[in-house]
PDB file of N, CA and C in Angstrom:
ATOM      1  N   MET A   1      -6.049   4.094  15.166  1.00  0.00           N
ATOM      2  CA  MET A   1      -7.144   4.066  16.121  1.00  0.00           C
ATOM      3  C   MET A   1      -6.543   4.278  17.507  1.00  0.00           C
ATOM      4  N   ASN A   2      -7.167   5.145  18.254  1.00  0.00           N
ATOM      5  CA  ASN A   2      -6.605   5.434  19.568  1.00  0.00           C
ATOM      6  C   ASN A   2      -6.946   4.328  20.575  1.00  0.00           C
ATOM      7  N   GLN A   3      -6.205   4.334  21.655  1.00  0.00           N
ATOM      8  CA  GLN A   3      -6.339   3.274  22.659  1.00  0.00           C
ATOM      9  C   GLN A   3      -7.723   3.269  23.305  1.00  0.00           C
ATOM     10  N   GLU A   4      -8.322   4.426  23.435  1.00  0.00           N
ATOM     11  CA  GLU A   4      -9.655   4.516  24.039  1.00  0.00           C
ATOM     12  C   GLU A   4     -10.686   3.739  23.208  1.00  0.00           C
ATOM     13  N   ARG A   5     -10.614   3.880  21.880  1.00  0.00           N
ATOM     14  CA  ARG A   5     -11.554   3.161  21.007  1.00  0.00           C
ATOM     15  C   ARG A   5     -11.282   1.655  21.031  1.00  0.00           C
ATOM     16  N   LEU A   6      -9.999   1.268  21.074  1.00  0.00           N
ATOM     17  CA  LEU A   6      -9.670  -0.163  21.171  1.00  0.00           C
ATOM     18  C   LEU A   6     -10.192  -0.749  22.480  1.00  0.00           C
ATOM     19  N   ASN A   7     -10.036   0.010  23.558  1.00  0.00           N
ATOM     20  CA  ASN A   7     -10.545  -0.452  24.852  1.00  0.00           C
ATOM     21  C   ASN A   7     -12.062  -0.631  24.801  1.00  0.00           C
ATOM     22  N   ARG A   8     -12.746   0.287  24.115  1.00  0.00           N
ATOM     23  CA  ARG A   8     -14.203   0.196  24.013  1.00  0.00           C
ATOM     24  C   ARG A   8     -14.617  -1.039  23.210  1.00  0.00           C
ATOM     25  N   ILE A   9     -13.886  -1.345  22.129  1.00  0.00           N
ATOM     26  CA  ILE A   9     -14.166  -2.560  21.356  1.00  0.00           C
ATOM     27  C   ILE A   9     -14.043  -3.780  22.254  1.00  0.00           C
ATOM     28  N   ASN A  10     -12.984  -3.845  23.023  1.00  0.00           N
ATOM     29  CA  ASN A  10     -12.771  -4.987  23.926  1.00  0.00           C
ATOM     30  C   ASN A  10     -13.823  -5.040  25.024  1.00  0.00           C
ATOM     31  N   GLU A  11     -14.185  -3.884  25.534  1.00  0.00           N
ATOM     32  CA  GLU A  11     -15.205  -3.818  26.584  1.00  0.00           C
ATOM     33  C   GLU A  11     -16.538  -4.359  26.062  1.00  0.00           C
ATOM     34  N   LEU A  12     -16.922  -3.940  24.868  1.00  0.00           N
ATOM     35  CA  LEU A  12     -18.175  -4.425  24.287  1.00  0.00           C
ATOM     36  C   LEU A  12     -18.115  -5.917  23.991  1.00  0.00           C
ATOM     37  N   TYR A  13     -16.951  -6.401  23.550  1.00  0.00           N
ATOM     38  CA  TYR A  13     -16.799  -7.831  23.292  1.00  0.00           C
ATOM     39  C   TYR A  13     -17.024  -8.627  24.578  1.00  0.00           C
ATOM     40  N   HIS A  14     -16.360  -8.218  25.639  1.00  0.00           N
ATOM     41  CA  HIS A  14     -16.485  -8.964  26.906  1.00  0.00           C
ATOM     42  C   HIS A  14     -17.915  -8.877  27.456  1.00  0.00           C
ATOM     43  N   LYS A  15     -18.539  -7.717  27.314  1.00  0.00           N
ATOM     44  CA  LYS A  15     -19.916  -7.581  27.777  1.00  0.00           C
ATOM     45  C   LYS A  15     -20.842  -8.480  26.961  1.00  0.00           C
ATOM     46  N   SER A  16     -20.585  -8.606  25.650  1.00  0.00           N
ATOM     47  CA  SER A  16     -21.436  -9.449  24.817  1.00  0.00           C
ATOM     48  C   SER A  16     -21.343 -10.913  25.231  1.00  0.00           C
ATOM     49  N   LYS A  17     -20.194 -11.323  25.740  1.00  0.00           N
ATOM     50  CA  LYS A  17     -20.009 -12.714  26.159  1.00  0.00           C
ATOM     51  C   LYS A  17     -20.603 -12.985  27.535  1.00  0.00           C
ATOM     52  N   THR A  18     -20.687 -11.966  28.391  1.00  0.00           N
ATOM     53  CA  THR A  18     -21.177 -12.196  29.744  1.00  0.00           C
ATOM     54  C   THR A  18     -22.662 -11.900  29.905  1.00  0.00           C
ATOM     55  N   GLU A  19     -23.078 -10.687  29.540  1.00  0.00           N
ATOM     56  CA  GLU A  19     -24.467 -10.322  29.796  1.00  0.00           C
ATOM     57  C   GLU A  19     -25.260  -9.931  28.558  1.00  0.00           C
ATOM     58  N   GLY A  20     -24.600  -9.821  27.440  1.00  0.00           N
ATOM     59  CA  GLY A  20     -25.289  -9.439  26.208  1.00  0.00           C
ATOM     60  C   GLY A  20     -25.269  -7.937  25.998  1.00  0.00           C
ATOM     61  N   LEU A  21     -25.532  -7.537  24.760  1.00  0.00           N
ATOM     62  CA  LEU A  21     -25.501  -6.127  24.396  1.00  0.00           C
ATOM     63  C   LEU A  21     -26.893  -5.623  24.061  1.00  0.00           C
ATOM     64  N   THR A  22     -27.103  -4.334  24.294  1.00  0.00           N
ATOM     65  CA  THR A  22     -28.331  -3.703  23.837  1.00  0.00           C
ATOM     66  C   THR A  22     -28.196  -3.468  22.336  1.00  0.00           C
ATOM     67  N   GLU A  23     -29.282  -3.098  21.701  1.00  0.00           N
ATOM     68  CA  GLU A  23     -29.241  -2.834  20.265  1.00  0.00           C
ATOM     69  C   GLU A  23     -28.294  -1.673  19.958  1.00  0.00           C
ATOM     70  N   GLU A  24     -28.304  -0.642  20.787  1.00  0.00           N
ATOM     71  CA  GLU A  24     -27.401   0.503  20.595  1.00  0.00           C
ATOM     72  C   GLU A  24     -25.945   0.072  20.703  1.00  0.00           C
ATOM     73  N   GLU A  25     -25.661  -0.791  21.663  1.00  0.00           N
ATOM     74  CA  GLU A  25     -24.288  -1.273  21.846  1.00  0.00           C
ATOM     75  C   GLU A  25     -23.846  -2.154  20.678  1.00  0.00           C
ATOM     76  N   ARG A  26     -24.760  -2.944  20.141  1.00  0.00           N
ATOM     77  CA  ARG A  26     -24.426  -3.766  18.974  1.00  0.00           C
ATOM     78  C   ARG A  26     -24.078  -2.896  17.768  1.00  0.00           C
ATOM     79  N   ILE A  27     -24.831  -1.817  17.580  1.00  0.00           N
ATOM     80  CA  ILE A  27     -24.558  -0.890  16.482  1.00  0.00           C
ATOM     81  C   ILE A  27     -23.207  -0.215  16.711  1.00  0.00           C
ATOM     82  N   GLU A  28     -22.960   0.240  17.929  1.00  0.00           N
ATOM     83  CA  GLU A  28     -21.675   0.867  18.254  1.00  0.00           C
ATOM     84  C   GLU A  28     -20.522  -0.100  18.012  1.00  0.00           C
ATOM     85  N   GLN A  29     -20.692  -1.347  18.433  1.00  0.00           N
ATOM     86  CA  GLN A  29     -19.655  -2.360  18.254  1.00  0.00           C
ATOM     87  C   GLN A  29     -19.372  -2.579  16.769  1.00  0.00           C
ATOM     88  N   ALA A  30     -20.405  -2.672  15.964  1.00  0.00           N
ATOM     89  CA  ALA A  30     -20.234  -2.877  14.527  1.00  0.00           C
ATOM     90  C   ALA A  30     -19.516  -1.695  13.882  1.00  0.00           C
ATOM     91  N   GLU A  31     -19.876  -0.478  14.287  1.00  0.00           N
ATOM     92  CA  GLU A  31     -19.224   0.717  13.747  1.00  0.00           C
ATOM     93  C   GLU A  31     -17.751   0.775  14.144  1.00  0.00           C
ATOM     94  N   LEU A  32     -17.464   0.468  15.405  1.00  0.00           N
ATOM     95  CA  LEU A  32     -16.077   0.484  15.866  1.00  0.00           C
ATOM     96  C   LEU A  32     -15.246  -0.578  15.159  1.00  0.00           C
ATOM     97  N   ARG A  33     -15.819  -1.760  14.995  1.00  0.00           N
ATOM     98  CA  ARG A  33     -15.098  -2.833  14.298  1.00  0.00           C
ATOM     99  C   ARG A  33     -14.819  -2.462  12.847  1.00  0.00           C
ATOM    100  N   ALA A  34     -15.815  -1.872  12.174  1.00  0.00           N
ATOM    101  CA  ALA A  34     -15.630  -1.472  10.784  1.00  0.00           C
ATOM    102  C   ALA A  34     -14.543  -0.410  10.656  1.00  0.00           C
ATOM    103  N   ALA A  35     -14.527   0.541  11.579  1.00  0.00           N
ATOM    104  CA  ALA A  35     -13.495   1.583  11.562  1.00  0.00           C
ATOM    105  C   ALA A  35     -12.123   0.975  11.806  1.00  0.00           C
ATOM    106  N   TYR A  36     -12.034   0.019  12.733  1.00  0.00           N
ATOM    107  CA  TYR A  36     -10.768  -0.644  13.028  1.00  0.00           C
ATOM    108  C   TYR A  36     -10.252  -1.395  11.800  1.00  0.00           C
ATOM    109  N   ILE A  37     -11.119  -2.138  11.159  1.00  0.00           N
ATOM    110  CA  ILE A  37     -10.725  -2.912   9.981  1.00  0.00           C
ATOM    111  C   ILE A  37     -10.269  -1.981   8.855  1.00  0.00           C
ATOM    112  N   GLN A  38     -10.985  -0.880   8.655  1.00  0.00           N
ATOM    113  CA  GLN A  38     -10.600   0.066   7.601  1.00  0.00           C
ATOM    114  C   GLN A  38      -9.229   0.673   7.887  1.00  0.00           C
ATOM    115  N   GLU A  39      -8.978   1.055   9.130  1.00  0.00           N
ATOM    116  CA  GLU A  39      -7.665   1.604   9.489  1.00  0.00           C
ATOM    117  C   GLU A  39      -6.571   0.563   9.318  1.00  0.00           C
ATOM    118  N   TRP A  40      -6.860  -0.684   9.669  1.00  0.00           N
ATOM    119  CA  TRP A  40      -5.868  -1.750   9.505  1.00  0.00           C
ATOM    120  C   TRP A  40      -5.545  -1.944   8.031  1.00  0.00           C
ATOM    121  N   ARG A  41      -6.565  -1.980   7.192  1.00  0.00           N
ATOM    122  CA  ARG A  41      -6.357  -2.147   5.750  1.00  0.00           C
ATOM    123  C   ARG A  41      -5.538  -0.992   5.171  1.00  0.00           C
ATOM    124  N   ASN A  42      -5.857   0.235   5.577  1.00  0.00           N
ATOM    125  CA  ASN A  42      -5.108   1.388   5.086  1.00  0.00           C
ATOM    126  C   ASN A  42      -3.644   1.295   5.487  1.00  0.00           C
ATOM    127  N   GLY A  43      -3.382   0.888   6.715  1.00  0.00           N
ATOM    128  CA  GLY A  43      -2.006   0.725   7.182  1.00  0.00           C
ATOM    129  C   GLY A  43      -1.279  -0.367   6.423  1.00  0.00           C
ATOM    130  N   MET A  44      -1.947  -1.465   6.175  1.00  0.00           N
ATOM    131  CA  MET A  44      -1.338  -2.574   5.443  1.00  0.00           C
ATOM    132  C   MET A  44      -1.048  -2.166   3.995  1.00  0.00           C
ATOM    133  N   ARG A  45      -1.994  -1.465   3.382  1.00  0.00           N
ATOM    134  CA  ARG A  45      -1.801  -1.006   2.010  1.00  0.00           C
ATOM    135  C   ARG A  45      -0.601  -0.054   1.938  1.00  0.00           C
ATOM    136  N   SER A  46      -0.492   0.826   2.903  1.00  0.00           N
ATOM    137  CA  SER A  46       0.630   1.760   2.943  1.00  0.00           C
ATOM    138  C   SER A  46       1.954   1.012   3.080  1.00  0.00           C
ATOM    139  N   THR A  47       1.979   0.006   3.936  1.00  0.00           N
ATOM    140  CA  THR A  47       3.186  -0.806   4.126  1.00  0.00           C
ATOM    141  C   THR A  47       3.547  -1.531   2.834  1.00  0.00           C
ATOM    142  N   LEU A  48       2.573  -2.158   2.207  1.00  0.00           N
ATOM    143  CA  LEU A  48       2.836  -2.897   0.972  1.00  0.00           C
ATOM    144  C   LEU A  48       3.272  -1.970  -0.161  1.00  0.00           C
ATOM    145  N   ASN A  49       2.703  -0.772  -0.199  1.00  0.00           N
ATOM    146  CA  ASN A  49       3.072   0.176  -1.248  1.00  0.00           C
ATOM    147  C   ASN A  49       4.503   0.686  -1.102  1.00  0.00           C
ATOM    148  N   SER A  50       5.084   0.540   0.078  1.00  0.00           N
ATOM    149  CA  SER A  50       6.451   1.023   0.281  1.00  0.00           C
ATOM    150  C   SER A  50       7.499  -0.057  -0.003  1.00  0.00           C
ATOM    151  N   ILE A  51       7.069  -1.252  -0.383  1.00  0.00           N
ATOM    152  CA  ILE A  51       7.992  -2.361  -0.649  1.00  0.00           C
ATOM    153  C   ILE A  51       8.501  -2.273  -2.081  1.00  0.00           C
ATOM    154  N   SER A  52       9.784  -2.528  -2.246  1.00  0.00           N
ATOM    155  CA  SER A  52      10.395  -2.588  -3.571  1.00  0.00           C
ATOM    156  C   SER A  52      10.871  -4.009  -3.834  1.00  0.00           C
ATOM    157  N   ILE A  53      10.770  -4.439  -5.092  1.00  0.00           N
ATOM    158  CA  ILE A  53      11.149  -5.792  -5.486  1.00  0.00           C
ATOM    159  C   ILE A  53      12.392  -5.712  -6.372  1.00  0.00           C
ATOM    160  N   VAL A  54      13.381  -6.548  -6.057  1.00  0.00           N
ATOM    161  CA  VAL A  54      14.554  -6.648  -6.913  1.00  0.00           C
ATOM    162  C   VAL A  54      14.260  -7.728  -7.947  1.00  0.00           C
ATOM    163  N   GLU A  55      14.190  -7.323  -9.211  1.00  0.00           N
ATOM    164  CA  GLU A  55      13.874  -8.231 -10.309  1.00  0.00           C
ATOM    165  C   GLU A  55      15.107  -9.083 -10.641  1.00  0.00           C
ATOM    166  N   PRO A  56      14.907 -10.217 -11.327  1.00  0.00           N
ATOM    167  CA  PRO A  56      16.034 -11.085 -11.693  1.00  0.00           C
ATOM    168  C   PRO A  56      17.130 -10.366 -12.486  1.00  0.00           C
ATOM    169  N   ASP A  57      16.749  -9.340 -13.241  1.00  0.00           N
ATOM    170  CA  ASP A  57      17.767  -8.613 -14.015  1.00  0.00           C
ATOM    171  C   ASP A  57      18.484  -7.548 -13.185  1.00  0.00           C
ATOM    172  N   GLY A  58      18.130  -7.431 -11.902  1.00  0.00           N
ATOM    173  CA  GLY A  58      18.786  -6.483 -11.019  1.00  0.00           C
ATOM    174  C   GLY A  58      18.065  -5.160 -10.875  1.00  0.00           C
ATOM    175  N   SER A  59      17.070  -4.926 -11.695  1.00  0.00           N
ATOM    176  CA  SER A  59      16.320  -3.668 -11.590  1.00  0.00           C
ATOM    177  C   SER A  59      15.404  -3.720 -10.363  1.00  0.00           C
ATOM    178  N   ILE A  60      15.021  -2.555  -9.914  1.00  0.00           N
ATOM    179  CA  ILE A  60      14.150  -2.453  -8.741  1.00  0.00           C
ATOM    180  C   ILE A  60      12.797  -1.913  -9.191  1.00  0.00           C
ATOM    181  N   THR A  61      11.742  -2.627  -8.799  1.00  0.00           N
ATOM    182  CA  THR A  61      10.382  -2.229  -9.130  1.00  0.00           C
ATOM    183  C   THR A  61       9.623  -2.015  -7.830  1.00  0.00           C
ATOM    184  N   GLU A  62       8.930  -0.879  -7.754  1.00  0.00           N
ATOM    185  CA  GLU A  62       8.084  -0.654  -6.578  1.00  0.00           C
ATOM    186  C   GLU A  62       6.863  -1.557  -6.688  1.00  0.00           C
ATOM    187  N   LEU A  63       6.504  -2.197  -5.592  1.00  0.00           N
ATOM    188  CA  LEU A  63       5.376  -3.122  -5.584  1.00  0.00           C
ATOM    189  C   LEU A  63       4.100  -2.429  -6.047  1.00  0.00           C
ATOM    190  N   LYS A  64       3.905  -1.183  -5.636  1.00  0.00           N
ATOM    191  CA  LYS A  64       2.693  -0.451  -6.021  1.00  0.00           C
ATOM    192  C   LYS A  64       2.624  -0.313  -7.540  1.00  0.00           C
ATOM    193  N   LYS A  65       3.721   0.038  -8.178  1.00  0.00           N
ATOM    194  CA  LYS A  65       3.695   0.221  -9.622  1.00  0.00           C
ATOM    195  C   LYS A  65       3.520  -1.091 -10.359  1.00  0.00           C
ATOM    196  N   LYS A  66       3.992  -2.192  -9.763  1.00  0.00           N
ATOM    197  CA  LYS A  66       3.906  -3.485 -10.429  1.00  0.00           C
ATOM    198  C   LYS A  66       2.477  -4.049 -10.378  1.00  0.00           C
ATOM    199  N   TYR A  67       1.769  -3.854  -9.269  1.00  0.00           N
ATOM    200  CA  TYR A  67       0.477  -4.516  -9.093  1.00  0.00           C
ATOM    201  C   TYR A  67      -0.722  -3.585  -9.028  1.00  0.00           C
ATOM    202  N   ASP A  68      -0.495  -2.282  -8.981  1.00  0.00           N
ATOM    203  CA  ASP A  68      -1.606  -1.342  -8.906  1.00  0.00           C
ATOM    204  C   ASP A  68      -1.809  -0.726 -10.286  1.00  0.00           C
ATOM    205  N   PRO A  69      -2.937  -1.012 -10.951  1.00  0.00           N
ATOM    206  CA  PRO A  69      -3.140  -0.492 -12.304  1.00  0.00           C
ATOM    207  C   PRO A  69      -3.167   1.034 -12.363  1.00  0.00           C
ATOM    208  N   GLU A  70      -3.510   1.672 -11.253  1.00  0.00           N
ATOM    209  CA  GLU A  70      -3.550   3.135 -11.207  1.00  0.00           C
ATOM    210  C   GLU A  70      -2.228   3.704 -10.718  1.00  0.00           C
ATOM    211  N   GLY A  71      -1.317   2.830 -10.207  1.00  0.00           N
ATOM    212  CA  GLY A  71      -0.090   3.212  -9.552  1.00  0.00           C
ATOM    213  C   GLY A  71       0.864   3.939 -10.354  1.00  0.00           C
TER     214      GLY A  71
END
């Protein structure tokens, strides 16, 4: 998510606390938050999928293959 969209999320948050939001702004805020959460989840999933586990027998298992049934 680019910095401009993050700034807009923060701007809407602060406006909601001081003067309130219009219905259009509430919808925009919800859409921006949902997009932010989805991007965060995708990034976290990518990070977790790149982790490898050293098993007790010394073998290495990729976390994605161990816990993702489709992996």
